């Protein structure tokens, strides 16, 4: 079985450290994605802004369904 690119949670979803644990798990992949966008010619700040927008849009779409 292939290794996961993002590690599994260490804490339960209701634990105080769950959110920071998730942020730590996602940070490397997010940094890589922003670096890829920048290497392709996109402005780093605009790429980060686009990712925030897309995340919010997907959360809203999921909540509406």
PDB file of N, CA and C in Angstrom:
ATOM      1  N   UNK A   1       0.848  -1.184   0.000  1.00  0.00           N
ATOM      2  CA  UNK A   1       0.000   0.000   0.000  1.00  0.00           C
ATOM      3  C   UNK A   1       0.892   1.246   0.000  1.00  0.00           C
ATOM      4  N   UNK A   2       0.512   2.244  -0.777  1.00  0.00           N
ATOM      5  CA  UNK A   2       1.285   3.484  -0.870  1.00  0.00           C
ATOM      6  C   UNK A   2       1.177   4.296   0.413  1.00  0.00           C
ATOM      7  N   UNK A   3       2.266   4.988   0.745  1.00  0.00           N
ATOM      8  CA  UNK A   3       2.284   5.852   1.924  1.00  0.00           C
ATOM      9  C   UNK A   3       1.440   7.095   1.660  1.00  0.00           C
ATOM     10  N   UNK A   4       0.696   7.533   2.660  1.00  0.00           N
ATOM     11  CA  UNK A   4      -0.114   8.737   2.528  1.00  0.00           C
ATOM     12  C   UNK A   4       0.769   9.970   2.440  1.00  0.00           C
ATOM     13  N   UNK A   5       0.396  10.912   1.578  1.00  0.00           N
ATOM     14  CA  UNK A   5       1.154  12.155   1.444  1.00  0.00           C
ATOM     15  C   UNK A   5       0.947  13.051   2.662  1.00  0.00           C
ATOM     16  N   UNK A   6      -0.195  12.910   3.297  1.00  0.00           N
ATOM     17  CA  UNK A   6      -0.528  13.687   4.496  1.00  0.00           C
ATOM     18  C   UNK A   6      -0.729  12.690   5.631  1.00  0.00           C
ATOM     19  N   UNK A   7      -0.053  12.931   6.730  1.00  0.00           N
ATOM     20  CA  UNK A   7      -0.141  11.966   7.834  1.00  0.00           C
ATOM     21  C   UNK A   7      -1.527  11.950   8.477  1.00  0.00           C
ATOM     22  N   UNK A   8      -1.808  10.878   9.137  1.00  0.00           N
ATOM     23  CA  UNK A   8      -3.089  10.708   9.830  1.00  0.00           C
ATOM     24  C   UNK A   8      -3.115  11.571  11.089  1.00  0.00           C
ATOM     25  N   UNK A   9      -4.322  11.894  11.589  1.00  0.00           N
ATOM     26  CA  UNK A   9      -4.430  12.686  12.824  1.00  0.00           C
ATOM     27  C   UNK A   9      -3.817  11.948  14.019  1.00  0.00           C
ATOM     28  N   UNK A  10      -3.265  12.731  14.912  1.00  0.00           N
ATOM     29  CA  UNK A  10      -2.715  12.184  16.152  1.00  0.00           C
ATOM     30  C   UNK A  10      -3.778  12.257  17.241  1.00  0.00           C
ATOM     31  N   UNK A  11      -4.610  13.298  17.197  1.00  0.00           N
ATOM     32  CA  UNK A  11      -5.608  13.554  18.239  1.00  0.00           C
ATOM     33  C   UNK A  11      -7.016  13.273  17.729  1.00  0.00           C
ATOM     34  N   UNK A  12      -7.937  13.059  18.646  1.00  0.00           N
ATOM     35  CA  UNK A  12      -9.351  12.900  18.306  1.00  0.00           C
ATOM     36  C   UNK A  12      -9.906  14.234  17.826  1.00  0.00           C
ATOM     37  N   UNK A  13     -10.964  14.201  17.020  1.00  0.00           N
ATOM     38  CA  UNK A  13     -11.510  15.409  16.393  1.00  0.00           C
ATOM     39  C   UNK A  13     -11.935  16.470  17.419  1.00  0.00           C
ATOM     40  N   UNK A  14     -12.337  16.081  18.597  1.00  0.00           N
ATOM     41  CA  UNK A  14     -12.773  17.047  19.612  1.00  0.00           C
ATOM     42  C   UNK A  14     -11.650  17.490  20.552  1.00  0.00           C
ATOM     43  N   UNK A  15     -10.455  17.009  20.333  1.00  0.00           N
ATOM     44  CA  UNK A  15      -9.321  17.378  21.192  1.00  0.00           C
ATOM     45  C   UNK A  15      -8.882  18.814  20.914  1.00  0.00           C
ATOM     46  N   UNK A  16      -8.341  19.454  21.926  1.00  0.00           N
ATOM     47  CA  UNK A  16      -7.909  20.852  21.809  1.00  0.00           C
ATOM     48  C   UNK A  16      -6.834  21.025  20.737  1.00  0.00           C
ATOM     49  N   UNK A  17      -5.959  20.056  20.558  1.00  0.00           N
ATOM     50  CA  UNK A  17      -4.855  20.170  19.596  1.00  0.00           C
ATOM     51  C   UNK A  17      -5.197  19.668  18.200  1.00  0.00           C
ATOM     52  N   UNK A  18      -6.421  19.233  17.969  1.00  0.00           N
ATOM     53  CA  UNK A  18      -6.780  18.655  16.673  1.00  0.00           C
ATOM     54  C   UNK A  18      -6.540  19.635  15.521  1.00  0.00           C
ATOM     55  N   UNK A  19      -6.998  20.882  15.655  1.00  0.00           N
ATOM     56  CA  UNK A  19      -6.848  21.860  14.580  1.00  0.00           C
ATOM     57  C   UNK A  19      -5.380  22.167  14.294  1.00  0.00           C
ATOM     58  N   UNK A  20      -4.582  22.370  15.335  1.00  0.00           N
ATOM     59  CA  UNK A  20      -3.166  22.661  15.108  1.00  0.00           C
ATOM     60  C   UNK A  20      -2.444  21.435  14.547  1.00  0.00           C
ATOM     61  N   UNK A  21      -2.854  20.253  14.957  1.00  0.00           N
ATOM     62  CA  UNK A  21      -2.292  19.013  14.414  1.00  0.00           C
ATOM     63  C   UNK A  21      -2.600  18.917  12.914  1.00  0.00           C
ATOM     64  N   UNK A  22      -3.817  19.241  12.535  1.00  0.00           N
ATOM     65  CA  UNK A  22      -4.217  19.224  11.127  1.00  0.00           C
ATOM     66  C   UNK A  22      -3.422  20.251  10.326  1.00  0.00           C
ATOM     67  N   UNK A  23      -3.266  21.439  10.874  1.00  0.00           N
ATOM     68  CA  UNK A  23      -2.491  22.487  10.191  1.00  0.00           C
ATOM     69  C   UNK A  23      -1.054  22.035   9.960  1.00  0.00           C
ATOM     70  N   UNK A  24      -0.464  21.401  10.975  1.00  0.00           N
ATOM     71  CA  UNK A  24       0.909  20.899  10.846  1.00  0.00           C
ATOM     72  C   UNK A  24       0.993  19.810   9.779  1.00  0.00           C
ATOM     73  N   UNK A  25      -0.006  18.947   9.719  1.00  0.00           N
ATOM     74  CA  UNK A  25      -0.014  17.856   8.749  1.00  0.00           C
ATOM     75  C   UNK A  25      -0.159  18.375   7.317  1.00  0.00           C
ATOM     76  N   UNK A  26      -0.906  19.451   7.133  1.00  0.00           N
ATOM     77  CA  UNK A  26      -1.161  19.994   5.799  1.00  0.00           C
ATOM     78  C   UNK A  26      -0.114  20.996   5.326  1.00  0.00           C
ATOM     79  N   UNK A  27       0.648  21.574   6.241  1.00  0.00           N
ATOM     80  CA  UNK A  27       1.560  22.679   5.920  1.00  0.00           C
ATOM     81  C   UNK A  27       2.553  22.336   4.817  1.00  0.00           C
ATOM     82  N   UNK A  28       3.188  21.203   4.896  1.00  0.00           N
ATOM     83  CA  UNK A  28       4.188  20.836   3.896  1.00  0.00           C
ATOM     84  C   UNK A  28       3.593  20.702   2.505  1.00  0.00           C
ATOM     85  N   UNK A  29       2.443  20.043   2.409  1.00  0.00           N
ATOM     86  CA  UNK A  29       1.782  19.877   1.113  1.00  0.00           C
ATOM     87  C   UNK A  29       1.318  21.219   0.567  1.00  0.00           C
ATOM     88  N   UNK A  30       0.834  22.072   1.441  1.00  0.00           N
ATOM     89  CA  UNK A  30       0.393  23.397   1.012  1.00  0.00           C
ATOM     90  C   UNK A  30       1.581  24.232   0.530  1.00  0.00           C
ATOM     91  N   UNK A  31       2.678  24.185   1.258  1.00  0.00           N
ATOM     92  CA  UNK A  31       3.892  24.900   0.841  1.00  0.00           C
ATOM     93  C   UNK A  31       4.353  24.415  -0.529  1.00  0.00           C
ATOM     94  N   UNK A  32       4.308  23.096  -0.748  1.00  0.00           N
ATOM     95  CA  UNK A  32       4.706  22.529  -2.039  1.00  0.00           C
ATOM     96  C   UNK A  32       3.777  23.005  -3.159  1.00  0.00           C
ATOM     97  N   UNK A  33       2.482  23.035  -2.897  1.00  0.00           N
ATOM     98  CA  UNK A  33       1.520  23.476  -3.904  1.00  0.00           C
ATOM     99  C   UNK A  33       1.734  24.943  -4.266  1.00  0.00           C
ATOM    100  N   UNK A  34       1.951  25.783  -3.272  1.00  0.00           N
ATOM    101  CA  UNK A  34       2.208  27.205  -3.534  1.00  0.00           C
ATOM    102  C   UNK A  34       3.519  27.365  -4.307  1.00  0.00           C
ATOM    103  N   UNK A  35       4.536  26.592  -3.957  1.00  0.00           N
ATOM    104  CA  UNK A  35       5.812  26.652  -4.672  1.00  0.00           C
ATOM    105  C   UNK A  35       5.632  26.221  -6.128  1.00  0.00           C
ATOM    106  N   UNK A  36       4.812  25.206  -6.377  1.00  0.00           N
ATOM    107  CA  UNK A  36       4.537  24.765  -7.737  1.00  0.00           C
ATOM    108  C   UNK A  36       3.826  25.847  -8.538  1.00  0.00           C
ATOM    109  N   UNK A  37       2.858  26.512  -7.904  1.00  0.00           N
ATOM    110  CA  UNK A  37       2.139  27.598  -8.573  1.00  0.00           C
ATOM    111  C   UNK A  37       3.103  28.735  -8.909  1.00  0.00           C
ATOM    112  N   UNK A  38       3.975  29.055  -7.968  1.00  0.00           N
ATOM    113  CA  UNK A  38       4.947  30.124  -8.187  1.00  0.00           C
ATOM    114  C   UNK A  38       5.927  29.745  -9.312  1.00  0.00           C
ATOM    115  N   UNK A  39       6.357  28.487  -9.330  1.00  0.00           N
ATOM    116  CA  UNK A  39       7.266  28.023 -10.380  1.00  0.00           C
ATOM    117  C   UNK A  39       6.607  28.065 -11.754  1.00  0.00           C
ATOM    118  N   UNK A  40       5.279  27.925 -11.777  1.00  0.00           N
ATOM    119  CA  UNK A  40       4.535  27.983 -13.037  1.00  0.00           C
ATOM    120  C   UNK A  40       4.295  29.415 -13.487  1.00  0.00           C
ATOM    121  N   UNK A  41       4.668  30.383 -12.636  1.00  0.00           N
ATOM    122  CA  UNK A  41       4.540  31.785 -13.013  1.00  0.00           C
ATOM    123  C   UNK A  41       3.470  32.565 -12.266  1.00  0.00           C
ATOM    124  N   UNK A  42       2.760  31.906 -11.354  1.00  0.00           N
ATOM    125  CA  UNK A  42       1.726  32.586 -10.568  1.00  0.00           C
ATOM    126  C   UNK A  42       2.361  33.353  -9.415  1.00  0.00           C
ATOM    127  N   UNK A  43       1.780  34.483  -9.074  1.00  0.00           N
ATOM    128  CA  UNK A  43       2.219  35.257  -7.919  1.00  0.00           C
ATOM    129  C   UNK A  43       1.920  34.452  -6.651  1.00  0.00           C
ATOM    130  N   UNK A  44       2.899  34.363  -5.765  1.00  0.00           N
ATOM    131  CA  UNK A  44       2.767  33.560  -4.541  1.00  0.00           C
ATOM    132  C   UNK A  44       1.586  33.993  -3.675  1.00  0.00           C
ATOM    133  N   UNK A  45       1.424  35.286  -3.470  1.00  0.00           N
ATOM    134  CA  UNK A  45       0.323  35.772  -2.633  1.00  0.00           C
ATOM    135  C   UNK A  45      -1.032  35.509  -3.278  1.00  0.00           C
ATOM    136  N   UNK A  46      -1.116  35.689  -4.587  1.00  0.00           N
ATOM    137  CA  UNK A  46      -2.374  35.427  -5.288  1.00  0.00           C
ATOM    138  C   UNK A  46      -2.719  33.941  -5.275  1.00  0.00           C
ATOM    139  N   UNK A  47      -1.706  33.105  -5.380  1.00  0.00           N
ATOM    140  CA  UNK A  47      -1.935  31.660  -5.323  1.00  0.00           C
ATOM    141  C   UNK A  47      -2.464  31.259  -3.942  1.00  0.00           C
ATOM    142  N   UNK A  48      -1.880  31.807  -2.891  1.00  0.00           N
ATOM    143  CA  UNK A  48      -2.348  31.521  -1.532  1.00  0.00           C
ATOM    144  C   UNK A  48      -3.778  32.024  -1.347  1.00  0.00           C
ATOM    145  N   UNK A  49      -4.072  33.189  -1.875  1.00  0.00           N
ATOM    146  CA  UNK A  49      -5.426  33.733  -1.800  1.00  0.00           C
ATOM    147  C   UNK A  49      -6.413  32.843  -2.552  1.00  0.00           C
ATOM    148  N   UNK A  50      -6.005  32.360  -3.722  1.00  0.00           N
ATOM    149  CA  UNK A  50      -6.866  31.470  -4.503  1.00  0.00           C
ATOM    150  C   UNK A  50      -7.158  30.185  -3.736  1.00  0.00           C
ATOM    151  N   UNK A  51      -6.177  29.661  -3.029  1.00  0.00           N
ATOM    152  CA  UNK A  51      -6.395  28.448  -2.242  1.00  0.00           C
ATOM    153  C   UNK A  51      -7.377  28.688  -1.097  1.00  0.00           C
ATOM    154  N   UNK A  52      -7.266  29.837  -0.439  1.00  0.00           N
ATOM    155  CA  UNK A  52      -8.229  30.170   0.626  1.00  0.00           C
ATOM    156  C   UNK A  52      -9.638  30.262   0.051  1.00  0.00           C
ATOM    157  N   UNK A  53      -9.773  30.934  -1.110  1.00  0.00           N
ATOM    158  CA  UNK A  53     -11.077  31.083  -1.759  1.00  0.00           C
ATOM    159  C   UNK A  53     -11.655  29.717  -2.113  1.00  0.00           C
ATOM    160  N   UNK A  54     -10.839  28.865  -2.740  1.00  0.00           N
ATOM    161  CA  UNK A  54     -11.322  27.550  -3.140  1.00  0.00           C
ATOM    162  C   UNK A  54     -11.734  26.698  -1.941  1.00  0.00           C
ATOM    163  N   UNK A  55     -10.982  26.778  -0.854  1.00  0.00           N
ATOM    164  CA  UNK A  55     -11.334  26.019   0.348  1.00  0.00           C
ATOM    165  C   UNK A  55     -12.673  26.489   0.908  1.00  0.00           C
ATOM    166  N   UNK A  56     -12.863  27.800   0.998  1.00  0.00           N
ATOM    167  CA  UNK A  56     -14.124  28.341   1.516  1.00  0.00           C
ATOM    168  C   UNK A  56     -15.287  27.971   0.602  1.00  0.00           C
ATOM    169  N   UNK A  57     -15.062  28.049  -0.706  1.00  0.00           N
ATOM    170  CA  UNK A  57     -16.118  27.719  -1.673  1.00  0.00           C
ATOM    171  C   UNK A  57     -16.540  26.259  -1.545  1.00  0.00           C
ATOM    172  N   UNK A  58     -15.583  25.383  -1.364  1.00  0.00           N
ATOM    173  CA  UNK A  58     -15.911  23.961  -1.222  1.00  0.00           C
ATOM    174  C   UNK A  58     -16.625  23.674   0.092  1.00  0.00           C
ATOM    175  N   UNK A  59     -16.228  24.343   1.156  1.00  0.00           N
ATOM    176  CA  UNK A  59     -16.929  24.156   2.430  1.00  0.00           C
ATOM    177  C   UNK A  59     -18.373  24.618   2.336  1.00  0.00           C
ATOM    178  N   UNK A  60     -18.598  25.752   1.682  1.00  0.00           N
ATOM    179  CA  UNK A  60     -19.948  26.282   1.533  1.00  0.00           C
ATOM    180  C   UNK A  60     -20.789  25.350   0.661  1.00  0.00           C
ATOM    181  N   UNK A  61     -20.232  24.864  -0.423  1.00  0.00           N
ATOM    182  CA  UNK A  61     -20.968  23.965  -1.314  1.00  0.00           C
ATOM    183  C   UNK A  61     -21.349  22.683  -0.575  1.00  0.00           C
ATOM    184  N   UNK A  62     -20.450  22.189   0.252  1.00  0.00           N
ATOM    185  CA  UNK A  62     -20.745  20.977   1.018  1.00  0.00           C
ATOM    186  C   UNK A  62     -21.845  21.218   2.046  1.00  0.00           C
ATOM    187  N   UNK A  63     -21.812  22.406   2.681  1.00  0.00           N
ATOM    188  CA  UNK A  63     -22.821  22.741   3.684  1.00  0.00           C
ATOM    189  C   UNK A  63     -24.200  22.916   3.055  1.00  0.00           C
ATOM    190  N   UNK A  64     -24.221  23.351   1.796  1.00  0.00           N
ATOM    191  CA  UNK A  64     -25.491  23.586   1.107  1.00  0.00           C
ATOM    192  C   UNK A  64     -26.095  22.302   0.540  1.00  0.00           C
ATOM    193  N   UNK A  65     -25.290  21.238   0.439  1.00  0.00           N
ATOM    194  CA  UNK A  65     -25.813  20.005  -0.145  1.00  0.00           C
ATOM    195  C   UNK A  65     -26.402  19.083   0.902  1.00  0.00           C
TER     196      UNK A  65
END
